[in-house]
Amino acid sequence: MATYDKGDLVRVTGTFTNAAGTAIDPTVVKFQFITPAGVTTAYTYGTDAEVVKSATGIYYVDIDASQTGIYYYRLYSTGTGQAAAEGNFSVDTSSF
């Protein structure tokens, strides 16, 4: 698990490919994360500016790591290019 400092901006990136390994843009791309306080936030590409497409098949969201503890996230797609990936990262307690 990656560890960040409190106050970091953490970029979570997902790459979507077809069976041949070629990058593709799925029909719908969604992103969810849960903060250490248990607050869930959900974004959809094309509706929410927080989900950014940087190239064909590559999408990211920047998370403000303002709370100490573990953040959980899920990036997934539906329709053409259906896929999902989950992960987490930790934010250390600041000494200041």
N, C-alpha and C. Protein backbone atom coordinates (compact mmCIF):
# COMPACT_ATOMS: atom_id res chain seq x y z
N MET A 1 0.84 -1.16 0.00
CA MET A 1 0.00 0.00 0.00
C MET A 1 0.89 1.23 0.00
N ALA A 2 0.59 2.17 -0.89
CA ALA A 2 1.33 3.43 -0.95
C ALA A 2 0.96 4.30 0.25
N THR A 3 1.93 5.09 0.72
CA THR A 3 1.71 5.98 1.84
C THR A 3 2.05 7.41 1.43
N TYR A 4 1.18 8.35 1.82
CA TYR A 4 1.35 9.75 1.48
C TYR A 4 1.31 10.60 2.75
N ASP A 5 1.74 11.84 2.61
CA ASP A 5 1.68 12.78 3.71
C ASP A 5 0.32 13.50 3.69
N LYS A 6 -0.16 13.86 4.87
CA LYS A 6 -1.40 14.61 4.97
C LYS A 6 -1.26 15.90 4.17
N GLY A 7 -2.22 16.17 3.32
CA GLY A 7 -2.20 17.36 2.47
C GLY A 7 -1.74 17.09 1.04
N ASP A 8 -1.23 15.89 0.76
CA ASP A 8 -0.84 15.55 -0.61
C ASP A 8 -2.06 15.49 -1.52
N LEU A 9 -1.84 15.71 -2.81
CA LEU A 9 -2.85 15.48 -3.83
C LEU A 9 -2.48 14.16 -4.49
N VAL A 10 -3.28 13.14 -4.29
CA VAL A 10 -2.97 11.78 -4.75
C VAL A 10 -3.69 11.51 -6.06
N ARG A 11 -2.93 11.18 -7.09
CA ARG A 11 -3.50 10.87 -8.41
C ARG A 11 -3.71 9.36 -8.52
N VAL A 12 -4.96 8.98 -8.79
CA VAL A 12 -5.31 7.58 -9.03
C VAL A 12 -5.63 7.46 -10.52
N THR A 13 -4.91 6.58 -11.21
CA THR A 13 -5.04 6.44 -12.66
C THR A 13 -5.50 5.04 -13.03
N GLY A 14 -6.36 4.95 -14.02
CA GLY A 14 -6.81 3.67 -14.55
C GLY A 14 -6.64 3.63 -16.04
N THR A 15 -6.21 2.48 -16.56
CA THR A 15 -6.05 2.30 -18.00
C THR A 15 -6.96 1.17 -18.45
N PHE A 16 -7.76 1.42 -19.47
CA PHE A 16 -8.70 0.44 -19.99
C PHE A 16 -8.21 -0.06 -21.34
N THR A 17 -8.16 -1.40 -21.48
CA THR A 17 -7.71 -2.02 -22.73
C THR A 17 -8.67 -3.12 -23.15
N ASN A 18 -8.60 -3.47 -24.44
CA ASN A 18 -9.41 -4.60 -24.91
C ASN A 18 -8.61 -5.89 -24.73
N ALA A 19 -9.16 -7.00 -25.19
CA ALA A 19 -8.51 -8.30 -25.01
C ALA A 19 -7.14 -8.38 -25.68
N ALA A 20 -6.95 -7.57 -26.72
CA ALA A 20 -5.67 -7.56 -27.43
C ALA A 20 -4.65 -6.65 -26.76
N GLY A 21 -5.07 -5.93 -25.71
CA GLY A 21 -4.16 -5.04 -25.01
C GLY A 21 -4.11 -3.63 -25.56
N THR A 22 -5.00 -3.32 -26.51
CA THR A 22 -5.06 -1.98 -27.09
C THR A 22 -5.91 -1.07 -26.21
N ALA A 23 -5.43 0.12 -25.95
CA ALA A 23 -6.18 1.07 -25.12
C ALA A 23 -7.49 1.45 -25.81
N ILE A 24 -8.58 1.43 -25.02
CA ILE A 24 -9.90 1.80 -25.54
C ILE A 24 -10.62 2.70 -24.54
N ASP A 25 -11.56 3.48 -25.07
CA ASP A 25 -12.41 4.29 -24.22
C ASP A 25 -13.70 3.54 -23.95
N PRO A 26 -13.95 3.18 -22.70
CA PRO A 26 -15.19 2.47 -22.37
C PRO A 26 -16.42 3.35 -22.59
N THR A 27 -17.58 2.72 -22.60
CA THR A 27 -18.83 3.45 -22.76
C THR A 27 -19.03 4.41 -21.60
N VAL A 28 -18.87 3.93 -20.38
CA VAL A 28 -19.03 4.76 -19.17
C VAL A 28 -17.86 4.47 -18.23
N VAL A 29 -17.24 5.54 -17.69
CA VAL A 29 -16.15 5.40 -16.72
C VAL A 29 -16.61 6.05 -15.42
N LYS A 30 -16.47 5.31 -14.31
CA LYS A 30 -16.89 5.80 -13.00
C LYS A 30 -15.75 5.63 -12.00
N PHE A 31 -15.78 6.48 -10.98
CA PHE A 31 -14.77 6.44 -9.95
C PHE A 31 -15.44 6.69 -8.60
N GLN A 32 -15.08 5.91 -7.60
CA GLN A 32 -15.60 6.09 -6.24
C GLN A 32 -14.43 6.01 -5.27
N PHE A 33 -14.52 6.78 -4.18
CA PHE A 33 -13.55 6.61 -3.11
C PHE A 33 -14.21 6.84 -1.77
N ILE A 34 -13.61 6.24 -0.75
CA ILE A 34 -14.09 6.38 0.63
C ILE A 34 -12.95 6.96 1.45
N THR A 35 -13.25 8.04 2.17
CA THR A 35 -12.25 8.68 3.02
C THR A 35 -12.10 7.91 4.33
N PRO A 36 -11.04 8.20 5.09
CA PRO A 36 -10.90 7.55 6.39
C PRO A 36 -12.08 7.82 7.33
N ALA A 37 -12.80 8.92 7.12
CA ALA A 37 -13.98 9.24 7.95
C ALA A 37 -15.22 8.48 7.50
N GLY A 38 -15.09 7.69 6.40
CA GLY A 38 -16.20 6.89 5.92
C GLY A 38 -17.12 7.58 4.93
N VAL A 39 -16.72 8.74 4.41
CA VAL A 39 -17.51 9.48 3.44
C VAL A 39 -17.21 8.94 2.04
N THR A 40 -18.26 8.55 1.31
CA THR A 40 -18.12 8.04 -0.05
C THR A 40 -18.41 9.14 -1.06
N THR A 41 -17.54 9.24 -2.06
CA THR A 41 -17.71 10.20 -3.15
C THR A 41 -17.69 9.42 -4.45
N ALA A 42 -18.59 9.77 -5.39
CA ALA A 42 -18.67 9.07 -6.67
C ALA A 42 -18.65 10.10 -7.81
N TYR A 43 -17.89 9.78 -8.86
CA TYR A 43 -17.79 10.63 -10.04
C TYR A 43 -18.02 9.79 -11.29
N THR A 44 -18.51 10.45 -12.35
CA THR A 44 -18.69 9.82 -13.66
C THR A 44 -18.02 10.69 -14.71
N TYR A 45 -17.21 10.08 -15.57
CA TYR A 45 -16.55 10.83 -16.64
C TYR A 45 -17.60 11.43 -17.57
N GLY A 46 -17.39 12.69 -17.94
CA GLY A 46 -18.33 13.38 -18.83
C GLY A 46 -19.39 14.16 -18.07
N THR A 47 -19.60 13.80 -16.81
CA THR A 47 -20.54 14.52 -15.94
C THR A 47 -19.79 15.31 -14.89
N ASP A 48 -18.77 14.70 -14.32
CA ASP A 48 -17.98 15.31 -13.25
C ASP A 48 -16.58 15.62 -13.74
N ALA A 49 -16.18 16.88 -13.60
CA ALA A 49 -14.87 17.34 -14.08
C ALA A 49 -13.71 16.66 -13.35
N GLU A 50 -13.96 16.05 -12.20
CA GLU A 50 -12.90 15.40 -11.43
C GLU A 50 -12.31 14.19 -12.15
N VAL A 51 -13.07 13.54 -13.02
CA VAL A 51 -12.55 12.41 -13.79
C VAL A 51 -12.00 12.97 -15.10
N VAL A 52 -10.70 12.83 -15.28
CA VAL A 52 -10.01 13.41 -16.43
C VAL A 52 -9.51 12.31 -17.35
N LYS A 53 -9.72 12.49 -18.64
CA LYS A 53 -9.17 11.57 -19.65
C LYS A 53 -7.88 12.19 -20.15
N SER A 54 -6.74 11.50 -19.94
CA SER A 54 -5.45 12.05 -20.37
C SER A 54 -5.02 11.53 -21.73
N ALA A 55 -5.56 10.39 -22.15
CA ALA A 55 -5.27 9.80 -23.46
C ALA A 55 -6.30 8.70 -23.68
N THR A 56 -6.31 8.11 -24.84
CA THR A 56 -7.24 7.02 -25.11
C THR A 56 -7.10 5.94 -24.05
N GLY A 57 -8.19 5.65 -23.35
CA GLY A 57 -8.20 4.58 -22.36
C GLY A 57 -7.58 4.91 -21.01
N ILE A 58 -7.05 6.11 -20.84
CA ILE A 58 -6.38 6.47 -19.59
C ILE A 58 -7.16 7.59 -18.89
N TYR A 59 -7.59 7.31 -17.66
CA TYR A 59 -8.40 8.25 -16.89
C TYR A 59 -7.80 8.38 -15.49
N TYR A 60 -7.95 9.57 -14.90
CA TYR A 60 -7.45 9.73 -13.54
C TYR A 60 -8.35 10.67 -12.74
N VAL A 61 -8.18 10.57 -11.42
CA VAL A 61 -8.83 11.45 -10.45
C VAL A 61 -7.77 11.83 -9.43
N ASP A 62 -7.75 13.11 -9.05
CA ASP A 62 -6.87 13.58 -7.99
C ASP A 62 -7.67 13.65 -6.70
N ILE A 63 -7.14 13.04 -5.65
CA ILE A 63 -7.81 13.02 -4.35
C ILE A 63 -7.02 13.87 -3.36
N ASP A 64 -7.71 14.79 -2.71
CA ASP A 64 -7.10 15.62 -1.67
C ASP A 64 -6.98 14.78 -0.41
N ALA A 65 -5.77 14.39 -0.09
CA ALA A 65 -5.52 13.53 1.08
C ALA A 65 -5.43 14.38 2.34
N SER A 66 -6.56 14.93 2.75
CA SER A 66 -6.59 15.87 3.87
C SER A 66 -6.86 15.20 5.22
N GLN A 67 -7.12 13.89 5.20
CA GLN A 67 -7.39 13.15 6.43
C GLN A 67 -6.36 12.03 6.59
N THR A 68 -5.96 11.78 7.82
CA THR A 68 -5.06 10.66 8.06
C THR A 68 -5.86 9.37 8.11
N GLY A 69 -5.23 8.29 7.69
CA GLY A 69 -5.89 6.98 7.66
C GLY A 69 -5.83 6.37 6.28
N ILE A 70 -6.74 5.43 6.03
CA ILE A 70 -6.74 4.69 4.77
C ILE A 70 -7.89 5.15 3.88
N TYR A 71 -7.57 5.46 2.63
CA TYR A 71 -8.54 5.78 1.59
C TYR A 71 -8.71 4.53 0.73
N TYR A 72 -9.94 4.22 0.35
CA TYR A 72 -10.23 3.11 -0.55
C TYR A 72 -10.83 3.69 -1.83
N TYR A 73 -10.46 3.12 -2.98
CA TYR A 73 -11.01 3.63 -4.24
C TYR A 73 -11.34 2.49 -5.20
N ARG A 74 -12.21 2.82 -6.14
CA ARG A 74 -12.63 1.88 -7.18
C ARG A 74 -12.83 2.67 -8.47
N LEU A 75 -12.17 2.24 -9.52
CA LEU A 75 -12.32 2.81 -10.85
C LEU A 75 -12.91 1.71 -11.72
N TYR A 76 -14.03 2.00 -12.38
CA TYR A 76 -14.65 0.94 -13.17
C TYR A 76 -15.38 1.50 -14.37
N SER A 77 -15.70 0.61 -15.30
CA SER A 77 -16.40 1.01 -16.52
C SER A 77 -17.51 0.01 -16.81
N THR A 78 -18.48 0.49 -17.61
CA THR A 78 -19.59 -0.37 -18.04
C THR A 78 -19.70 -0.27 -19.56
N GLY A 79 -20.45 -1.18 -20.13
CA GLY A 79 -20.62 -1.19 -21.59
C GLY A 79 -19.37 -1.72 -22.26
N THR A 80 -19.05 -1.18 -23.42
CA THR A 80 -17.83 -1.57 -24.13
C THR A 80 -16.63 -1.27 -23.25
N GLY A 81 -15.76 -2.24 -23.09
CA GLY A 81 -14.57 -2.05 -22.26
C GLY A 81 -14.83 -2.23 -20.78
N GLN A 82 -15.87 -3.01 -20.44
CA GLN A 82 -16.22 -3.21 -19.03
C GLN A 82 -15.03 -3.79 -18.26
N ALA A 83 -14.70 -3.12 -17.15
CA ALA A 83 -13.59 -3.56 -16.29
C ALA A 83 -13.70 -2.86 -14.95
N ALA A 84 -12.92 -3.32 -13.98
CA ALA A 84 -12.90 -2.70 -12.66
C ALA A 84 -11.55 -2.92 -12.01
N ALA A 85 -11.17 -1.95 -11.17
CA ALA A 85 -9.95 -2.08 -10.37
C ALA A 85 -10.18 -1.35 -9.05
N GLU A 86 -9.67 -1.92 -7.98
CA GLU A 86 -9.80 -1.32 -6.67
C GLU A 86 -8.42 -1.21 -6.03
N GLY A 87 -8.30 -0.31 -5.09
CA GLY A 87 -7.06 -0.15 -4.39
C GLY A 87 -7.24 0.71 -3.16
N ASN A 88 -6.12 0.99 -2.51
CA ASN A 88 -6.17 1.85 -1.33
C ASN A 88 -4.80 2.50 -1.14
N PHE A 89 -4.81 3.53 -0.33
CA PHE A 89 -3.55 4.17 0.06
C PHE A 89 -3.72 4.73 1.46
N SER A 90 -2.60 4.95 2.11
CA SER A 90 -2.59 5.43 3.48
C SER A 90 -2.06 6.85 3.54
N VAL A 91 -2.59 7.62 4.48
CA VAL A 91 -2.09 8.98 4.72
C VAL A 91 -1.59 9.03 6.16
N ASP A 92 -0.30 9.38 6.30
CA ASP A 92 0.32 9.43 7.63
C ASP A 92 -0.13 10.66 8.42
N THR A 93 -0.06 10.51 9.71
CA THR A 93 -0.34 11.62 10.62
C THR A 93 0.79 12.64 10.51
N SER A 94 0.42 13.90 10.43
CA SER A 94 1.41 14.96 10.34
C SER A 94 1.98 15.27 11.71
N SER A 95 3.24 15.66 11.75
CA SER A 95 3.88 16.07 12.99
C SER A 95 3.59 17.54 13.31
N PHE A 96 2.90 18.21 12.38
CA PHE A 96 2.62 19.64 12.54
C PHE A 96 1.14 19.90 12.69
